[in-house]
């Protein structure tokens, strides 16, 4: 019977020892060792996952570049877009197309002449950037029809909008009977304006 209290004391001492060890672990080992090691393991796992994603992206980079090049080639081959690299260059091209059309219709510049051509602000509200020139011509009927056909055919595709024609304008030649006002416009390829701005920024 005398052995039972001693055994009970040993178990009590063992329990107290375990409790002290648990307290030491919670107060010292866990915050100073376990938690930092878990944080390091989490960082290593995150870095490994990021490395795998980067490796996958690098592996797919040639295919993505090839598809991008193909898309750019297809886009560049579309006759509807102007090929100039900025709004200013595209506006200048519009004026050149206009002057060429008037020159073809009237080589001597007498039966069809440009009386006004004013660049308009680019319109980027839509899906594509629109460039336009406000035009005023004094032409004979046949010359005007030739100008209109020249402007609306060919590549890039241009549009004649807000057309206003006044008959009996007069002008030194018997055929100069029309006073024609309209907007000549075209659309830039997507990304052209941004790319041109980036080049200007790099140059500065």
C-alpha atoms as a PDB file:
ATOM      1  CA  UNK A   1       0.000   0.000   0.000  1.00  0.00           C
ATOM      2  CA  UNK A   2       2.964   2.307   0.606  1.00  0.00           C
ATOM      3  CA  UNK A   3       4.009   2.018  -3.066  1.00  0.00           C
ATOM      4  CA  UNK A   4       0.837   3.598  -4.439  1.00  0.00           C
ATOM      5  CA  UNK A   5       1.538   7.198  -3.231  1.00  0.00           C
ATOM      6  CA  UNK A   6       5.085   6.988  -4.576  1.00  0.00           C
ATOM      7  CA  UNK A   7       3.827   5.760  -7.947  1.00  0.00           C
ATOM      8  CA  UNK A   8       1.219   8.506  -7.942  1.00  0.00           C
ATOM      9  CA  UNK A   9       3.937  11.067  -7.191  1.00  0.00           C
ATOM     10  CA  UNK A  10       6.017   9.788 -10.077  1.00  0.00           C
ATOM     11  CA  UNK A  11       3.101  10.084 -12.466  1.00  0.00           C
ATOM     12  CA  UNK A  12       2.351  13.555 -11.130  1.00  0.00           C
ATOM     13  CA  UNK A  13       5.972  14.588 -11.597  1.00  0.00           C
ATOM     14  CA  UNK A  14       5.952  13.167 -15.111  1.00  0.00           C
ATOM     15  CA  UNK A  15       2.762  15.095 -15.883  1.00  0.00           C
ATOM     16  CA  UNK A  16       4.272  18.281 -14.515  1.00  0.00           C
ATOM     17  CA  UNK A  17       7.391  17.710 -16.617  1.00  0.00           C
ATOM     18  CA  UNK A  18       5.299  17.257 -19.743  1.00  0.00           C
ATOM     19  CA  UNK A  19       3.321  20.383 -18.916  1.00  0.00           C
ATOM     20  CA  UNK A  20       6.550  22.360 -18.447  1.00  0.00           C
ATOM     21  CA  UNK A  21       7.893  21.023 -21.754  1.00  0.00           C
ATOM     22  CA  UNK A  22       4.651  21.981 -23.502  1.00  0.00           C
ATOM     23  CA  UNK A  23       4.819  25.486 -22.059  1.00  0.00           C
ATOM     24  CA  UNK A  24       8.467  25.803 -23.130  1.00  0.00           C
ATOM     25  CA  UNK A  25       7.535  24.633 -26.639  1.00  0.00           C
ATOM     26  CA  UNK A  26       4.640  27.064 -26.895  1.00  0.00           C
ATOM     27  CA  UNK A  27       6.606  29.997 -25.496  1.00  0.00           C
ATOM     28  CA  UNK A  28      10.021  29.390 -27.070  1.00  0.00           C
ATOM     29  CA  UNK A  29      10.285  26.633 -29.641  1.00  0.00           C
ATOM     30  CA  UNK A  30       7.064  27.303 -31.577  1.00  0.00           C
ATOM     31  CA  UNK A  31       7.444  31.085 -32.075  1.00  0.00           C
ATOM     32  CA  UNK A  32      11.234  31.025 -32.469  1.00  0.00           C
ATOM     33  CA  UNK A  33      11.605  27.908 -34.631  1.00  0.00           C
ATOM     34  CA  UNK A  34       8.406  26.262 -35.856  1.00  0.00           C
ATOM     35  CA  UNK A  35       6.629  29.377 -37.132  1.00  0.00           C
ATOM     36  CA  UNK A  36       9.698  30.787 -38.959  1.00  0.00           C
ATOM     37  CA  UNK A  37      10.323  27.407 -40.559  1.00  0.00           C
ATOM     38  CA  UNK A  38       6.709  27.207 -41.715  1.00  0.00           C
ATOM     39  CA  UNK A  39       6.979  30.726 -43.145  1.00  0.00           C
ATOM     40  CA  UNK A  40      10.169  29.754 -44.974  1.00  0.00           C
ATOM     41  CA  UNK A  41       8.485  26.633 -46.336  1.00  0.00           C
ATOM     42  CA  UNK A  42       5.547  28.727 -47.560  1.00  0.00           C
ATOM     43  CA  UNK A  43       7.900  31.180 -49.286  1.00  0.00           C
ATOM     44  CA  UNK A  44       9.800  28.332 -50.912  1.00  0.00           C
ATOM     45  CA  UNK A  45       6.536  26.841 -52.168  1.00  0.00           C
ATOM     46  CA  UNK A  46       5.411  30.226 -53.556  1.00  0.00           C
ATOM     47  CA  UNK A  47       8.754  30.755 -55.294  1.00  0.00           C
ATOM     48  CA  UNK A  48       8.656  27.269 -56.774  1.00  0.00           C
ATOM     49  CA  UNK A  49       5.143  27.850 -58.144  1.00  0.00           C
ATOM     50  CA  UNK A  50       6.205  31.236 -59.580  1.00  0.00           C
ATOM     51  CA  UNK A  51       9.273  29.649 -61.153  1.00  0.00           C
ATOM     52  CA  UNK A  52       7.084  26.979 -62.752  1.00  0.00           C
ATOM     53  CA  UNK A  53       4.745  29.642 -64.178  1.00  0.00           C
ATOM     54  CA  UNK A  54       7.683  31.656 -65.538  1.00  0.00           C
ATOM     55  CA  UNK A  55       9.225  28.538 -67.063  1.00  0.00           C
ATOM     56  CA  UNK A  56       5.889  27.695 -68.708  1.00  0.00           C
ATOM     57  CA  UNK A  57       5.552  31.232 -70.068  1.00  0.00           C
ATOM     58  CA  UNK A  58       9.105  31.167 -71.410  1.00  0.00           C
ATOM     59  CA  UNK A  59       8.394  27.828 -73.039  1.00  0.00           C
ATOM     60  CA  UNK A  60       5.295  29.253 -74.735  1.00  0.00           C
ATOM     61  CA  UNK A  61       6.980  32.553 -75.691  1.00  0.00           C
ATOM     62  CA  UNK A  62       8.044  31.476 -79.226  1.00  0.00           C
ATOM     63  CA  UNK A  63       4.513  30.284 -80.021  1.00  0.00           C
ATOM     64  CA  UNK A  64       2.985  33.503 -78.660  1.00  0.00           C
ATOM     65  CA  UNK A  65       5.467  35.615 -80.650  1.00  0.00           C
ATOM     66  CA  UNK A  66       4.699  33.650 -83.801  1.00  0.00           C
ATOM     67  CA  UNK A  67       0.945  34.077 -83.363  1.00  0.00           C
ATOM     68  CA  UNK A  68       1.396  37.783 -82.686  1.00  0.00           C
ATOM     69  CA  UNK A  69       3.475  38.169 -85.842  1.00  0.00           C
ATOM     70  CA  UNK A  70       0.869  36.316 -87.873  1.00  0.00           C
ATOM     71  CA  UNK A  71      -1.901  38.501 -86.456  1.00  0.00           C
ATOM     72  CA  UNK A  72       0.077  41.643 -87.258  1.00  0.00           C
ATOM     73  CA  UNK A  73       0.677  40.456 -90.818  1.00  0.00           C
ATOM     74  CA  UNK A  74      -3.003  39.715 -91.321  1.00  0.00           C
ATOM     75  CA  UNK A  75      -3.935  43.089 -89.852  1.00  0.00           C
ATOM     76  CA  UNK A  76      -1.390  44.916 -92.004  1.00  0.00           C
ATOM     77  CA  UNK A  77      -2.774  43.249 -95.123  1.00  0.00           C
ATOM     78  CA  UNK A  78      -6.280  44.559 -94.489  1.00  0.00           C
ATOM     79  CA  UNK A  79      -7.041  47.198 -97.134  1.00  0.00           C
ATOM     80  CA  UNK A  80      -9.447  49.070 -94.887  1.00  0.00           C
ATOM     81  CA  UNK A  81      -6.806  50.529 -92.555  1.00  0.00           C
ATOM     82  CA  UNK A  82      -4.298  53.260 -93.237  1.00  0.00           C
ATOM     83  CA  UNK A  83      -0.691  52.165 -92.809  1.00  0.00           C
ATOM     84  CA  UNK A  84       0.769  55.407 -91.439  1.00  0.00           C
ATOM     85  CA  UNK A  85       2.336  55.365 -87.969  1.00  0.00           C
ATOM     86  CA  UNK A  86       0.652  58.486 -86.546  1.00  0.00           C
ATOM     87  CA  UNK A  87      -2.344  60.761 -86.923  1.00  0.00           C
ATOM     88  CA  UNK A  88      -0.187  63.466 -88.528  1.00  0.00           C
ATOM     89  CA  UNK A  89       1.199  61.137 -91.196  1.00  0.00           C
ATOM     90  CA  UNK A  90      -2.249  59.702 -91.904  1.00  0.00           C
ATOM     91  CA  UNK A  91      -3.718  63.197 -92.288  1.00  0.00           C
ATOM     92  CA  UNK A  92      -0.931  64.099 -94.692  1.00  0.00           C
ATOM     93  CA  UNK A  93      -1.714  60.954 -96.690  1.00  0.00           C
ATOM     94  CA  UNK A  94      -5.378  61.971 -96.888  1.00  0.00           C
ATOM     95  CA  UNK A  95      -4.379  65.336 -98.350  1.00  0.00           C
ATOM     96  CA  UNK A  96      -2.079  63.642-100.867  1.00  0.00           C
ATOM     97  CA  UNK A  97      -4.852  61.277-101.958  1.00  0.00           C
ATOM     98  CA  UNK A  98      -7.173  64.262-102.365  1.00  0.00           C
ATOM     99  CA  UNK A  99      -4.645  66.261-104.408  1.00  0.00           C
ATOM    100  CA  UNK A 100      -3.896  63.251-106.606  1.00  0.00           C
ATOM    101  CA  UNK A 101      -7.616  62.646-107.252  1.00  0.00           C
ATOM    102  CA  UNK A 102      -8.148  66.302-108.200  1.00  0.00           C
ATOM    103  CA  UNK A 103      -5.069  66.261-110.415  1.00  0.00           C
ATOM    104  CA  UNK A 104      -6.295  63.149-112.242  1.00  0.00           C
ATOM    105  CA  UNK A 105      -9.717  64.703-112.771  1.00  0.00           C
ATOM    106  CA  UNK A 106      -8.275  68.021-113.963  1.00  0.00           C
ATOM    107  CA  UNK A 107      -4.573  67.969-114.913  1.00  0.00           C
ATOM    108  CA  UNK A 108      -4.595  71.699-115.657  1.00  0.00           C
ATOM    109  CA  UNK A 109      -6.216  72.458-112.286  1.00  0.00           C
ATOM    110  CA  UNK A 110      -8.872  74.597-114.030  1.00  0.00           C
ATOM    111  CA  UNK A 111     -12.006  72.466-114.231  1.00  0.00           C
ATOM    112  CA  UNK A 112     -11.537  71.035-110.724  1.00  0.00           C
ATOM    113  CA  UNK A 113      -9.629  72.776-107.957  1.00  0.00           C
ATOM    114  CA  UNK A 114      -9.254  72.418-104.188  1.00  0.00           C
ATOM    115  CA  UNK A 115     -10.325  75.623-102.508  1.00  0.00           C
ATOM    116  CA  UNK A 116      -9.903  74.442 -98.897  1.00  0.00           C
ATOM    117  CA  UNK A 117      -8.525  71.445 -96.983  1.00  0.00           C
ATOM    118  CA  UNK A 118      -8.445  71.600 -93.194  1.00  0.00           C
ATOM    119  CA  UNK A 119      -7.273  68.743 -90.929  1.00  0.00           C
ATOM    120  CA  UNK A 120      -9.764  67.719 -88.260  1.00  0.00           C
ATOM    121  CA  UNK A 121      -8.979  66.400 -84.759  1.00  0.00           C
ATOM    122  CA  UNK A 122      -8.585  62.641 -84.619  1.00  0.00           C
ATOM    123  CA  UNK A 123     -11.602  60.793 -83.232  1.00  0.00           C
ATOM    124  CA  UNK A 124     -10.661  57.934 -80.908  1.00  0.00           C
ATOM    125  CA  UNK A 125     -14.108  57.469 -79.351  1.00  0.00           C
ATOM    126  CA  UNK A 126     -14.860  54.408 -81.449  1.00  0.00           C
ATOM    127  CA  UNK A 127     -13.124  51.071 -81.780  1.00  0.00           C
ATOM    128  CA  UNK A 128     -10.586  52.498 -84.257  1.00  0.00           C
ATOM    129  CA  UNK A 129      -8.986  55.938 -84.502  1.00  0.00           C
ATOM    130  CA  UNK A 130     -10.558  58.030 -87.257  1.00  0.00           C
ATOM    131  CA  UNK A 131      -8.576  60.744 -89.054  1.00  0.00           C
ATOM    132  CA  UNK A 132     -10.336  63.216 -91.316  1.00  0.00           C
ATOM    133  CA  UNK A 133      -9.867  66.311 -93.464  1.00  0.00           C
ATOM    134  CA  UNK A 134     -12.544  68.913 -94.184  1.00  0.00           C
ATOM    135  CA  UNK A 135     -12.490  69.533 -97.957  1.00  0.00           C
ATOM    136  CA  UNK A 136     -14.043  72.052-100.314  1.00  0.00           C
ATOM    137  CA  UNK A 137     -13.826  71.652-104.095  1.00  0.00           C
ATOM    138  CA  UNK A 138     -15.024  73.609-107.116  1.00  0.00           C
ATOM    139  CA  UNK A 139     -15.561  71.100-109.905  1.00  0.00           C
ATOM    140  CA  UNK A 140     -17.588  70.328-112.926  1.00  0.00           C
ATOM    141  CA  UNK A 141     -20.019  67.438-112.635  1.00  0.00           C
ATOM    142  CA  UNK A 142     -17.916  64.916-114.555  1.00  0.00           C
ATOM    143  CA  UNK A 143     -14.721  65.950-112.760  1.00  0.00           C
ATOM    144  CA  UNK A 144     -16.415  65.630-109.374  1.00  0.00           C
ATOM    145  CA  UNK A 145     -17.643  62.137-110.204  1.00  0.00           C
ATOM    146  CA  UNK A 146     -14.084  61.166-111.152  1.00  0.00           C
ATOM    147  CA  UNK A 147     -12.742  62.594-107.895  1.00  0.00           C
ATOM    148  CA  UNK A 148     -15.377  60.753-105.857  1.00  0.00           C
ATOM    149  CA  UNK A 149     -14.676  57.444-107.573  1.00  0.00           C
ATOM    150  CA  UNK A 150     -10.922  57.829-107.085  1.00  0.00           C
ATOM    151  CA  UNK A 151     -11.265  58.622-103.389  1.00  0.00           C
ATOM    152  CA  UNK A 152     -13.657  55.783-102.583  1.00  0.00           C
ATOM    153  CA  UNK A 153     -11.782  53.065-104.476  1.00  0.00           C
ATOM    154  CA  UNK A 154      -8.369  51.583-103.872  1.00  0.00           C
ATOM    155  CA  UNK A 155      -6.455  50.949-100.678  1.00  0.00           C
ATOM    156  CA  UNK A 156      -6.525  52.044 -97.983  1.00  0.00           C
ATOM    157  CA  UNK A 157     -10.266  52.477 -98.020  1.00  0.00           C
ATOM    158  CA  UNK A 158     -11.397  56.060 -97.481  1.00  0.00           C
ATOM    159  CA  UNK A 159     -14.849  57.496 -96.830  1.00  0.00           C
ATOM    160  CA  UNK A 160     -16.576  60.641 -98.095  1.00  0.00           C
ATOM    161  CA  UNK A 161     -19.005  61.825 -95.420  1.00  0.00           C
ATOM    162  CA  UNK A 162     -21.216  64.868 -94.742  1.00  0.00           C
ATOM    163  CA  UNK A 163     -21.396  65.662 -98.419  1.00  0.00           C
ATOM    164  CA  UNK A 164     -22.835  69.071 -99.336  1.00  0.00           C
ATOM    165  CA  UNK A 165     -23.152  70.093-103.001  1.00  0.00           C
ATOM    166  CA  UNK A 166     -24.211  73.509-104.262  1.00  0.00           C
ATOM    167  CA  UNK A 167     -24.916  73.895-107.956  1.00  0.00           C
ATOM    168  CA  UNK A 168     -24.177  76.989-110.034  1.00  0.00           C
ATOM    169  CA  UNK A 169     -21.061  77.935-108.093  1.00  0.00           C
ATOM    170  CA  UNK A 170     -19.384  79.565-111.080  1.00  0.00           C
ATOM    171  CA  UNK A 171     -15.668  79.938-111.266  1.00  0.00           C
ATOM    172  CA  UNK A 172     -13.971  80.948-114.514  1.00  0.00           C
ATOM    173  CA  UNK A 173     -14.670  77.748-116.433  1.00  0.00           C
ATOM    174  CA  UNK A 174     -18.038  76.731-117.805  1.00  0.00           C
ATOM    175  CA  UNK A 175     -17.768  73.310-116.210  1.00  0.00           C
ATOM    176  CA  UNK A 176     -17.029  74.635-112.724  1.00  0.00           C
ATOM    177  CA  UNK A 177     -20.647  74.415-111.704  1.00  0.00           C
ATOM    178  CA  UNK A 178     -20.415  72.621-108.361  1.00  0.00           C
ATOM    179  CA  UNK A 179     -19.270  73.811-104.950  1.00  0.00           C
ATOM    180  CA  UNK A 180     -18.637  70.572-103.039  1.00  0.00           C
ATOM    181  CA  UNK A 181     -17.902  70.254 -99.298  1.00  0.00           C
ATOM    182  CA  UNK A 182     -17.266  66.957 -97.506  1.00  0.00           C
ATOM    183  CA  UNK A 183     -15.172  65.109 -94.961  1.00  0.00           C
ATOM    184  CA  UNK A 184     -12.530  62.719 -96.266  1.00  0.00           C
ATOM    185  CA  UNK A 185     -11.675  60.167 -93.591  1.00  0.00           C
ATOM    186  CA  UNK A 186      -9.860  56.916 -92.926  1.00  0.00           C
ATOM    187  CA  UNK A 187      -9.044  54.641 -89.993  1.00  0.00           C
ATOM    188  CA  UNK A 188      -5.698  53.804 -88.437  1.00  0.00           C
ATOM    189  CA  UNK A 189      -4.617  50.275 -87.674  1.00  0.00           C
ATOM    190  CA  UNK A 190      -5.121  49.315 -83.990  1.00  0.00           C
ATOM    191  CA  UNK A 191      -2.153  50.191 -81.797  1.00  0.00           C
ATOM    192  CA  UNK A 192      -0.527  52.540 -84.295  1.00  0.00           C
ATOM    193  CA  UNK A 193      -1.096  55.717 -82.283  1.00  0.00           C
ATOM    194  CA  UNK A 194       0.145  54.162 -79.035  1.00  0.00           C
ATOM    195  CA  UNK A 195       3.235  52.820 -80.715  1.00  0.00           C
ATOM    196  CA  UNK A 196       4.047  56.203 -82.224  1.00  0.00           C
ATOM    197  CA  UNK A 197       3.621  57.902 -78.852  1.00  0.00           C
ATOM    198  CA  UNK A 198       5.967  55.399 -77.245  1.00  0.00           C
ATOM    199  CA  UNK A 199       8.613  56.091 -79.881  1.00  0.00           C
ATOM    200  CA  UNK A 200       8.341  59.844 -79.242  1.00  0.00           C
ATOM    201  CA  UNK A 201       8.674  59.292 -75.500  1.00  0.00           C
ATOM    202  CA  UNK A 202      11.771  57.121 -75.991  1.00  0.00           C
ATOM    203  CA  UNK A 203      13.330  59.730 -78.254  1.00  0.00           C
ATOM    204  CA  UNK A 204      12.886  62.387 -75.583  1.00  0.00           C
END
